[in-house]
mmCIF file of all heavy atoms, coordinates in Angstrom:
data_MODEL
# 
_entry.id   MODEL 
# 
loop_
_atom_site.group_PDB 
_atom_site.id 
_atom_site.type_symbol 
_atom_site.label_atom_id 
_atom_site.label_alt_id 
_atom_site.label_comp_id 
_atom_site.label_asym_id 
_atom_site.label_entity_id 
_atom_site.label_seq_id 
_atom_site.pdbx_PDB_ins_code 
_atom_site.Cartn_x 
_atom_site.Cartn_y 
_atom_site.Cartn_z 
_atom_site.occupancy 
_atom_site.B_iso_or_equiv 
_atom_site.pdbx_formal_charge 
_atom_site.auth_seq_id 
_atom_site.auth_comp_id 
_atom_site.auth_asym_id 
_atom_site.auth_atom_id 
_atom_site.pdbx_PDB_model_num 
ATOM 1   N N   . ARG A 1 1  ? 0.852  -1.240 -0.006  1.00 0.00 ? 1  ARG A N   1 
ATOM 2   C CA  . ARG A 1 1  ? 0.006  0.030  -0.034  1.00 0.00 ? 1  ARG A CA  1 
ATOM 3   C C   . ARG A 1 1  ? 0.845  1.189  -0.018  1.00 0.00 ? 1  ARG A C   1 
ATOM 4   O O   . ARG A 1 1  ? 0.537  2.279  -0.723  1.00 0.00 ? 1  ARG A O   1 
ATOM 5   C CB  . ARG A 1 1  ? -0.944 -0.038 1.160   1.00 0.00 ? 1  ARG A CB  1 
ATOM 6   C CG  . ARG A 1 1  ? -1.843 1.067  1.268   1.00 0.00 ? 1  ARG A CG  1 
ATOM 7   C CD  . ARG A 1 1  ? -2.808 1.005  2.395   1.00 0.00 ? 1  ARG A CD  1 
ATOM 8   N NE  . ARG A 1 1  ? -3.728 2.237  2.358   1.00 0.00 ? 1  ARG A NE  1 
ATOM 9   C CZ  . ARG A 1 1  ? -4.714 2.325  3.210   1.00 0.00 ? 1  ARG A CZ  1 
ATOM 10  N NH1 . ARG A 1 1  ? -4.935 1.463  4.069   1.00 0.00 ? 1  ARG A NH1 1 
ATOM 11  N NH2 . ARG A 1 1  ? -5.496 3.393  2.988   1.00 0.00 ? 1  ARG A NH2 1 
ATOM 12  N N   . VAL A 1 2  ? 1.964  1.281  0.732   1.00 0.00 ? 2  VAL A N   1 
ATOM 13  C CA  . VAL A 1 2  ? 2.789  2.414  0.834   1.00 0.00 ? 2  VAL A CA  1 
ATOM 14  C C   . VAL A 1 2  ? 3.412  2.781  -0.600  1.00 0.00 ? 2  VAL A C   1 
ATOM 15  O O   . VAL A 1 2  ? 3.528  4.024  -0.865  1.00 0.00 ? 2  VAL A O   1 
ATOM 16  C CB  . VAL A 1 2  ? 3.884  2.218  1.900   1.00 0.00 ? 2  VAL A CB  1 
ATOM 17  C CG1 . VAL A 1 2  ? 4.943  1.099  1.489   1.00 0.00 ? 2  VAL A CG1 1 
ATOM 18  C CG2 . VAL A 1 2  ? 4.627  3.562  2.161   1.00 0.00 ? 2  VAL A CG2 1 
ATOM 19  N N   . ASN A 1 3  ? 3.747  1.804  -1.382  1.00 0.00 ? 3  ASN A N   1 
ATOM 20  C CA  . ASN A 1 3  ? 4.168  2.085  -2.733  1.00 0.00 ? 3  ASN A CA  1 
ATOM 21  C C   . ASN A 1 3  ? 3.161  2.657  -3.696  1.00 0.00 ? 3  ASN A C   1 
ATOM 22  O O   . ASN A 1 3  ? 3.398  3.411  -4.457  1.00 0.00 ? 3  ASN A O   1 
ATOM 23  C CB  . ASN A 1 3  ? 4.871  0.805  -3.317  1.00 0.00 ? 3  ASN A CB  1 
ATOM 24  C CG  . ASN A 1 3  ? 6.173  0.383  -2.634  1.00 0.00 ? 3  ASN A CG  1 
ATOM 25  O OD1 . ASN A 1 3  ? 6.629  1.179  -1.837  1.00 0.00 ? 3  ASN A OD1 1 
ATOM 26  N ND2 . ASN A 1 3  ? 6.545  -0.869 -2.703  1.00 0.00 ? 3  ASN A ND2 1 
ATOM 27  N N   . ARG A 1 4  ? 1.957  2.082  -3.543  1.00 0.00 ? 4  ARG A N   1 
ATOM 28  C CA  . ARG A 1 4  ? 0.817  2.700  -4.292  1.00 0.00 ? 4  ARG A CA  1 
ATOM 29  C C   . ARG A 1 4  ? 0.554  4.122  -3.973  1.00 0.00 ? 4  ARG A C   1 
ATOM 30  O O   . ARG A 1 4  ? 0.285  4.961  -4.778  1.00 0.00 ? 4  ARG A O   1 
ATOM 31  C CB  . ARG A 1 4  ? -0.424 1.735  -4.162  1.00 0.00 ? 4  ARG A CB  1 
ATOM 32  C CG  . ARG A 1 4  ? -0.320 0.432  -4.838  1.00 0.00 ? 4  ARG A CG  1 
ATOM 33  C CD  . ARG A 1 4  ? -1.698 -0.294 -4.934  1.00 0.00 ? 4  ARG A CD  1 
ATOM 34  N NE  . ARG A 1 4  ? -2.339 -0.366 -3.674  1.00 0.00 ? 4  ARG A NE  1 
ATOM 35  C CZ  . ARG A 1 4  ? -2.253 -1.433 -2.808  1.00 0.00 ? 4  ARG A CZ  1 
ATOM 36  N NH1 . ARG A 1 4  ? -1.564 -2.410 -3.004  1.00 0.00 ? 4  ARG A NH1 1 
ATOM 37  N NH2 . ARG A 1 4  ? -3.064 -1.358 -1.684  1.00 0.00 ? 4  ARG A NH2 1 
ATOM 38  N N   . ALA A 1 5  ? 0.622  4.479  -2.645  1.00 0.00 ? 5  ALA A N   1 
ATOM 39  C CA  . ALA A 1 5  ? 0.420  5.791  -2.145  1.00 0.00 ? 5  ALA A CA  1 
ATOM 40  C C   . ALA A 1 5  ? 1.483  6.688  -2.740  1.00 0.00 ? 5  ALA A C   1 
ATOM 41  O O   . ALA A 1 5  ? 1.239  7.835  -3.062  1.00 0.00 ? 5  ALA A O   1 
ATOM 42  C CB  . ALA A 1 5  ? 0.319  5.874  -0.701  1.00 0.00 ? 5  ALA A CB  1 
ATOM 43  N N   . ALA A 1 6  ? 2.728  6.108  -2.791  1.00 0.00 ? 6  ALA A N   1 
ATOM 44  C CA  . ALA A 1 6  ? 3.856  6.981  -3.285  1.00 0.00 ? 6  ALA A CA  1 
ATOM 45  C C   . ALA A 1 6  ? 3.703  7.218  -4.764  1.00 0.00 ? 6  ALA A C   1 
ATOM 46  O O   . ALA A 1 6  ? 3.997  8.265  -5.254  1.00 0.00 ? 6  ALA A O   1 
ATOM 47  C CB  . ALA A 1 6  ? 5.211  6.202  -3.112  1.00 0.00 ? 6  ALA A CB  1 
ATOM 48  N N   . VAL A 1 7  ? 3.104  6.216  -5.481  1.00 0.00 ? 7  VAL A N   1 
ATOM 49  C CA  . VAL A 1 7  ? 2.930  6.361  -6.991  1.00 0.00 ? 7  VAL A CA  1 
ATOM 50  C C   . VAL A 1 7  ? 1.938  7.514  -7.095  1.00 0.00 ? 7  VAL A C   1 
ATOM 51  O O   . VAL A 1 7  ? 2.111  8.333  -8.008  1.00 0.00 ? 7  VAL A O   1 
ATOM 52  C CB  . VAL A 1 7  ? 2.478  5.175  -7.529  1.00 0.00 ? 7  VAL A CB  1 
ATOM 53  C CG1 . VAL A 1 7  ? 1.914  5.415  -8.941  1.00 0.00 ? 7  VAL A CG1 1 
ATOM 54  C CG2 . VAL A 1 7  ? 3.536  4.068  -7.771  1.00 0.00 ? 7  VAL A CG2 1 
ATOM 55  N N   . LEU A 1 8  ? 0.798  7.532  -6.349  1.00 0.00 ? 8  LEU A N   1 
ATOM 56  C CA  . LEU A 1 8  ? -0.161 8.595  -6.363  1.00 0.00 ? 8  LEU A CA  1 
ATOM 57  C C   . LEU A 1 8  ? 0.375  10.013 -6.056  1.00 0.00 ? 8  LEU A C   1 
ATOM 58  O O   . LEU A 1 8  ? 0.212  10.835 -6.839  1.00 0.00 ? 8  LEU A O   1 
ATOM 59  C CB  . LEU A 1 8  ? -1.357 8.266  -5.520  1.00 0.00 ? 8  LEU A CB  1 
ATOM 60  C CG  . LEU A 1 8  ? -2.560 9.209  -5.569  1.00 0.00 ? 8  LEU A CG  1 
ATOM 61  C CD1 . LEU A 1 8  ? -3.169 9.273  -6.915  1.00 0.00 ? 8  LEU A CD1 1 
ATOM 62  C CD2 . LEU A 1 8  ? -3.502 8.849  -4.504  1.00 0.00 ? 8  LEU A CD2 1 
ATOM 63  N N   . ARG A 1 9  ? 1.176  10.049 -4.951  1.00 0.00 ? 9  ARG A N   1 
ATOM 64  C CA  . ARG A 1 9  ? 1.750  11.281 -4.632  1.00 0.00 ? 9  ARG A CA  1 
ATOM 65  C C   . ARG A 1 9  ? 2.686  11.878 -5.688  1.00 0.00 ? 9  ARG A C   1 
ATOM 66  O O   . ARG A 1 9  ? 2.672  13.035 -6.042  1.00 0.00 ? 9  ARG A O   1 
ATOM 67  C CB  . ARG A 1 9  ? 2.455  11.245 -3.228  1.00 0.00 ? 9  ARG A CB  1 
ATOM 68  C CG  . ARG A 1 9  ? 1.504  11.098 -2.097  1.00 0.00 ? 9  ARG A CG  1 
ATOM 69  C CD  . ARG A 1 9  ? 2.128  11.433 -0.764  1.00 0.00 ? 9  ARG A CD  1 
ATOM 70  N NE  . ARG A 1 9  ? 3.162  10.478 -0.605  1.00 0.00 ? 9  ARG A NE  1 
ATOM 71  C CZ  . ARG A 1 9  ? 3.113  9.232  -0.052  1.00 0.00 ? 9  ARG A CZ  1 
ATOM 72  N NH1 . ARG A 1 9  ? 1.910  8.835  0.393   1.00 0.00 ? 9  ARG A NH1 1 
ATOM 73  N NH2 . ARG A 1 9  ? 4.163  8.525  0.174   1.00 0.00 ? 9  ARG A NH2 1 
ATOM 74  N N   . VAL A 1 10 ? 3.592  10.982 -6.133  1.00 0.00 ? 10 VAL A N   1 
ATOM 75  C CA  . VAL A 1 10 ? 4.527  11.390 -7.189  1.00 0.00 ? 10 VAL A CA  1 
ATOM 76  C C   . VAL A 1 10 ? 3.831  11.689 -8.447  1.00 0.00 ? 10 VAL A C   1 
ATOM 77  O O   . VAL A 1 10 ? 4.219  12.688 -9.110  1.00 0.00 ? 10 VAL A O   1 
ATOM 78  C CB  . VAL A 1 10 ? 5.516  10.209 -7.430  1.00 0.00 ? 10 VAL A CB  1 
ATOM 79  C CG1 . VAL A 1 10 ? 6.421  10.487 -8.626  1.00 0.00 ? 10 VAL A CG1 1 
ATOM 80  C CG2 . VAL A 1 10 ? 6.455  10.100 -6.139  1.00 0.00 ? 10 VAL A CG2 1 
ATOM 81  N N   . SER A 1 11 ? 2.764  11.037 -8.821  1.00 0.00 ? 11 SER A N   1 
ATOM 82  C CA  . SER A 1 11 ? 2.044  11.316 -10.076 1.00 0.00 ? 11 SER A CA  1 
ATOM 83  C C   . SER A 1 11 ? 1.437  12.664 -9.952  1.00 0.00 ? 11 SER A C   1 
ATOM 84  O O   . SER A 1 11 ? 1.403  13.466 -10.891 1.00 0.00 ? 11 SER A O   1 
ATOM 85  C CB  . SER A 1 11 ? 0.948  10.302 -10.291 1.00 0.00 ? 11 SER A CB  1 
ATOM 86  O OG  . SER A 1 11 ? 1.496  9.044  -10.555 1.00 0.00 ? 11 SER A OG  1 
ATOM 87  N N   . ILE A 1 12 ? 0.824  12.951 -8.868  1.00 0.00 ? 12 ILE A N   1 
ATOM 88  C CA  . ILE A 1 12 ? 0.210  14.333 -8.698  1.00 0.00 ? 12 ILE A CA  1 
ATOM 89  C C   . ILE A 1 12 ? 1.208  15.441 -8.623  1.00 0.00 ? 12 ILE A C   1 
ATOM 90  O O   . ILE A 1 12 ? 1.028  16.424 -9.470  1.00 0.00 ? 12 ILE A O   1 
ATOM 91  C CB  . ILE A 1 12 ? -0.613 14.370 -7.393  1.00 0.00 ? 12 ILE A CB  1 
ATOM 92  C CG1 . ILE A 1 12 ? -1.891 13.483 -7.425  1.00 0.00 ? 12 ILE A CG1 1 
ATOM 93  C CG2 . ILE A 1 12 ? -1.000 15.848 -6.956  1.00 0.00 ? 12 ILE A CG2 1 
ATOM 94  C CD1 . ILE A 1 12 ? -2.562 13.216 -6.170  1.00 0.00 ? 12 ILE A CD1 1 
ATOM 95  N N   . ALA A 1 13 ? 2.340  15.202 -7.973  1.00 0.00 ? 13 ALA A N   1 
ATOM 96  C CA  . ALA A 1 13 ? 3.411  16.234 -8.071  1.00 0.00 ? 13 ALA A CA  1 
ATOM 97  C C   . ALA A 1 13 ? 3.995  16.412 -9.384  1.00 0.00 ? 13 ALA A C   1 
ATOM 98  O O   . ALA A 1 13 ? 4.219  17.557 -9.847  1.00 0.00 ? 13 ALA A O   1 
ATOM 99  C CB  . ALA A 1 13 ? 4.531  15.969 -7.050  1.00 0.00 ? 13 ALA A CB  1 
ATOM 100 N N   . CYS A 1 14 ? 4.232  15.326 -10.094 1.00 0.00 ? 14 CYS A N   1 
ATOM 101 C CA  . CYS A 1 14 ? 4.929  15.425 -11.456 1.00 0.00 ? 14 CYS A CA  1 
ATOM 102 C C   . CYS A 1 14 ? 3.910  15.808 -12.498 1.00 0.00 ? 14 CYS A C   1 
ATOM 103 O O   . CYS A 1 14 ? 4.253  15.935 -13.704 1.00 0.00 ? 14 CYS A O   1 
ATOM 104 C CB  . CYS A 1 14 ? 5.476  14.053 -11.695 1.00 0.00 ? 14 CYS A CB  1 
ATOM 105 S SG  . CYS A 1 14 ? 6.891  13.678 -10.656 1.00 0.00 ? 14 CYS A SG  1 
ATOM 106 N N   . LEU A 1 15 ? 2.631  15.999 -12.222 1.00 0.00 ? 15 LEU A N   1 
ATOM 107 C CA  . LEU A 1 15 ? 1.683  16.396 -13.163 1.00 0.00 ? 15 LEU A CA  1 
ATOM 108 C C   . LEU A 1 15 ? 1.318  17.895 -12.895 1.00 0.00 ? 15 LEU A C   1 
ATOM 109 O O   . LEU A 1 15 ? 1.410  18.705 -13.837 1.00 0.00 ? 15 LEU A O   1 
ATOM 110 C CB  . LEU A 1 15 ? 0.415  15.598 -13.062 1.00 0.00 ? 15 LEU A CB  1 
ATOM 111 C CG  . LEU A 1 15 ? -0.628 15.832 -14.157 1.00 0.00 ? 15 LEU A CG  1 
ATOM 112 C CD1 . LEU A 1 15 ? -0.077 15.347 -15.536 1.00 0.00 ? 15 LEU A CD1 1 
ATOM 113 C CD2 . LEU A 1 15 ? -1.948 15.097 -13.827 1.00 0.00 ? 15 LEU A CD2 1 
ATOM 114 N N   . ALA A 1 16 ? 1.196  18.179 -11.572 1.00 0.00 ? 16 ALA A N   1 
ATOM 115 C CA  . ALA A 1 16 ? 0.876  19.593 -11.205 1.00 0.00 ? 16 ALA A CA  1 
ATOM 116 C C   . ALA A 1 16 ? 2.028  20.645 -11.446 1.00 0.00 ? 16 ALA A C   1 
ATOM 117 O O   . ALA A 1 16 ? 1.760  21.654 -12.053 1.00 0.00 ? 16 ALA A O   1 
ATOM 118 C CB  . ALA A 1 16 ? 0.420  19.663 -9.775  1.00 0.00 ? 16 ALA A CB  1 
ATOM 119 N N   . LEU A 1 17 ? 3.196  20.250 -11.058 1.00 0.00 ? 17 LEU A N   1 
ATOM 120 C CA  . LEU A 1 17 ? 4.306  21.129 -11.187 1.00 0.00 ? 17 LEU A CA  1 
ATOM 121 C C   . LEU A 1 17 ? 4.688  21.484 -12.684 1.00 0.00 ? 17 LEU A C   1 
ATOM 122 O O   . LEU A 1 17 ? 4.765  22.756 -12.950 1.00 0.00 ? 17 LEU A O   1 
ATOM 123 C CB  . LEU A 1 17 ? 5.599  20.660 -10.433 1.00 0.00 ? 17 LEU A CB  1 
ATOM 124 C CG  . LEU A 1 17 ? 6.751  21.594 -10.421 1.00 0.00 ? 17 LEU A CG  1 
ATOM 125 C CD1 . LEU A 1 17 ? 6.489  22.923 -9.698  1.00 0.00 ? 17 LEU A CD1 1 
ATOM 126 C CD2 . LEU A 1 17 ? 7.993  20.969 -9.788  1.00 0.00 ? 17 LEU A CD2 1 
ATOM 127 N N   . PRO A 1 18 ? 4.797  20.508 -13.544 1.00 0.00 ? 18 PRO A N   1 
ATOM 128 C CA  . PRO A 1 18 ? 5.016  20.851 -15.003 1.00 0.00 ? 18 PRO A CA  1 
ATOM 129 C C   . PRO A 1 18 ? 3.790  21.677 -15.543 1.00 0.00 ? 18 PRO A C   1 
ATOM 130 O O   . PRO A 1 18 ? 4.086  22.450 -16.426 1.00 0.00 ? 18 PRO A O   1 
ATOM 131 C CB  . PRO A 1 18 ? 5.335  19.532 -15.640 1.00 0.00 ? 18 PRO A CB  1 
ATOM 132 C CG  . PRO A 1 18 ? 5.721  18.609 -14.566 1.00 0.00 ? 18 PRO A CG  1 
ATOM 133 C CD  . PRO A 1 18 ? 4.976  19.109 -13.349 1.00 0.00 ? 18 PRO A CD  1 
ATOM 134 N N   . PHE A 1 19 ? 2.599  21.266 -15.140 1.00 0.00 ? 19 PHE A N   1 
ATOM 135 C CA  . PHE A 1 19 ? 1.369  21.947 -15.703 1.00 0.00 ? 19 PHE A CA  1 
ATOM 136 C C   . PHE A 1 19 ? 1.562  23.408 -15.288 1.00 0.00 ? 19 PHE A C   1 
ATOM 137 O O   . PHE A 1 19 ? 1.224  24.254 -16.078 1.00 0.00 ? 19 PHE A O   1 
ATOM 138 C CB  . PHE A 1 19 ? 0.136  21.263 -15.221 1.00 0.00 ? 19 PHE A CB  1 
ATOM 139 C CG  . PHE A 1 19 ? -1.087 21.754 -15.926 1.00 0.00 ? 19 PHE A CG  1 
ATOM 140 C CD1 . PHE A 1 19 ? -1.480 21.231 -17.046 1.00 0.00 ? 19 PHE A CD1 1 
ATOM 141 C CD2 . PHE A 1 19 ? -1.853 22.880 -15.388 1.00 0.00 ? 19 PHE A CD2 1 
ATOM 142 C CE1 . PHE A 1 19 ? -2.649 21.572 -17.743 1.00 0.00 ? 19 PHE A CE1 1 
ATOM 143 C CE2 . PHE A 1 19 ? -2.933 23.338 -15.979 1.00 0.00 ? 19 PHE A CE2 1 
ATOM 144 C CZ  . PHE A 1 19 ? -3.320 22.662 -17.173 1.00 0.00 ? 19 PHE A CZ  1 
ATOM 145 N N   . ALA A 1 20 ? 1.741  23.701 -14.083 1.00 0.00 ? 20 ALA A N   1 
ATOM 146 C CA  . ALA A 1 20 ? 1.796  25.091 -13.528 1.00 0.00 ? 20 ALA A CA  1 
ATOM 147 C C   . ALA A 1 20 ? 2.942  25.851 -14.264 1.00 0.00 ? 20 ALA A C   1 
ATOM 148 O O   . ALA A 1 20 ? 2.723  26.967 -14.760 1.00 0.00 ? 20 ALA A O   1 
ATOM 149 C CB  . ALA A 1 20 ? 2.051  25.186 -12.076 1.00 0.00 ? 20 ALA A CB  1 
ATOM 150 N N   . CYS A 1 21 ? 4.133  25.253 -14.368 1.00 0.00 ? 21 CYS A N   1 
ATOM 151 C CA  . CYS A 1 21 ? 5.284  25.865 -15.110 1.00 0.00 ? 21 CYS A CA  1 
ATOM 152 C C   . CYS A 1 21 ? 4.977  26.137 -16.623 1.00 0.00 ? 21 CYS A C   1 
ATOM 153 O O   . CYS A 1 21 ? 5.247  27.227 -17.120 1.00 0.00 ? 21 CYS A O   1 
ATOM 154 C CB  . CYS A 1 21 ? 6.504  25.102 -14.977 1.00 0.00 ? 21 CYS A CB  1 
ATOM 155 S SG  . CYS A 1 21 ? 7.160  25.055 -13.321 1.00 0.00 ? 21 CYS A SG  1 
ATOM 156 N N   . GLY A 1 22 ? 4.317  25.102 -17.227 1.00 0.00 ? 22 GLY A N   1 
ATOM 157 C CA  . GLY A 1 22 ? 3.996  25.278 -18.677 1.00 0.00 ? 22 GLY A CA  1 
ATOM 158 C C   . GLY A 1 22 ? 2.889  26.233 -18.846 1.00 0.00 ? 22 GLY A C   1 
ATOM 159 O O   . GLY A 1 22 ? 2.868  27.015 -19.839 1.00 0.00 ? 22 GLY A O   1 
ATOM 160 N N   . PHE A 1 23 ? 1.997  26.386 -17.938 1.00 0.00 ? 23 PHE A N   1 
ATOM 161 C CA  . PHE A 1 23 ? 0.869  27.419 -18.120 1.00 0.00 ? 23 PHE A CA  1 
ATOM 162 C C   . PHE A 1 23 ? 1.464  28.805 -17.864 1.00 0.00 ? 23 PHE A C   1 
ATOM 163 O O   . PHE A 1 23 ? 1.114  29.677 -18.697 1.00 0.00 ? 23 PHE A O   1 
ATOM 164 C CB  . PHE A 1 23 ? -0.120 27.163 -16.879 1.00 0.00 ? 23 PHE A CB  1 
ATOM 165 C CG  . PHE A 1 23 ? -1.370 28.069 -17.106 1.00 0.00 ? 23 PHE A CG  1 
ATOM 166 C CD1 . PHE A 1 23 ? -2.351 27.617 -18.023 1.00 0.00 ? 23 PHE A CD1 1 
ATOM 167 C CD2 . PHE A 1 23 ? -1.607 29.189 -16.331 1.00 0.00 ? 23 PHE A CD2 1 
ATOM 168 C CE1 . PHE A 1 23 ? -3.525 28.324 -18.231 1.00 0.00 ? 23 PHE A CE1 1 
ATOM 169 C CE2 . PHE A 1 23 ? -2.737 29.927 -16.602 1.00 0.00 ? 23 PHE A CE2 1 
ATOM 170 C CZ  . PHE A 1 23 ? -3.687 29.511 -17.537 1.00 0.00 ? 23 PHE A CZ  1 
ATOM 171 N N   . ILE A 1 24 ? 2.373  29.016 -17.014 1.00 0.00 ? 24 ILE A N   1 
ATOM 172 C CA  . ILE A 1 24 ? 3.086  30.274 -16.801 1.00 0.00 ? 24 ILE A CA  1 
ATOM 173 C C   . ILE A 1 24 ? 3.834  30.709 -18.134 1.00 0.00 ? 24 ILE A C   1 
ATOM 174 O O   . ILE A 1 24 ? 3.770  31.783 -18.633 1.00 0.00 ? 24 ILE A O   1 
ATOM 175 C CB  . ILE A 1 24 ? 3.922  30.409 -15.549 1.00 0.00 ? 24 ILE A CB  1 
ATOM 176 C CG1 . ILE A 1 24 ? 2.980  30.306 -14.338 1.00 0.00 ? 24 ILE A CG1 1 
ATOM 177 C CG2 . ILE A 1 24 ? 4.794  31.577 -15.578 1.00 0.00 ? 24 ILE A CG2 1 
ATOM 178 C CD1 . ILE A 1 24 ? 3.723  30.009 -13.108 1.00 0.00 ? 24 ILE A CD1 1 
ATOM 179 N N   . LEU A 1 25 ? 4.612  29.702 -18.597 1.00 0.00 ? 25 LEU A N   1 
ATOM 180 C CA  . LEU A 1 25 ? 5.443  29.789 -19.831 1.00 0.00 ? 25 LEU A CA  1 
ATOM 181 C C   . LEU A 1 25 ? 4.496  30.185 -21.045 1.00 0.00 ? 25 LEU A C   1 
ATOM 182 O O   . LEU A 1 25 ? 4.780  31.061 -21.796 1.00 0.00 ? 25 LEU A O   1 
ATOM 183 C CB  . LEU A 1 25 ? 6.309  28.709 -20.101 1.00 0.00 ? 25 LEU A CB  1 
ATOM 184 C CG  . LEU A 1 25 ? 7.125  28.728 -21.394 1.00 0.00 ? 25 LEU A CG  1 
ATOM 185 C CD1 . LEU A 1 25 ? 8.173  29.822 -21.246 1.00 0.00 ? 25 LEU A CD1 1 
ATOM 186 C CD2 . LEU A 1 25 ? 7.730  27.363 -21.673 1.00 0.00 ? 25 LEU A CD2 1 
ATOM 187 N N   . GLY A 1 26 ? 3.297  29.431 -21.159 1.00 0.00 ? 26 GLY A N   1 
ATOM 188 C CA  . GLY A 1 26 ? 2.460  29.676 -22.217 1.00 0.00 ? 26 GLY A CA  1 
ATOM 189 C C   . GLY A 1 26 ? 1.900  31.074 -22.182 1.00 0.00 ? 26 GLY A C   1 
ATOM 190 O O   . GLY A 1 26 ? 1.614  31.587 -23.288 1.00 0.00 ? 26 GLY A O   1 
# 
């Protein structure tokens, strides 16, 4: 379970941060 939770947290962070940076750059 701890690894599945890590996947979810990493996925959210690795989706939100590039999205925010890309939005600002756009």
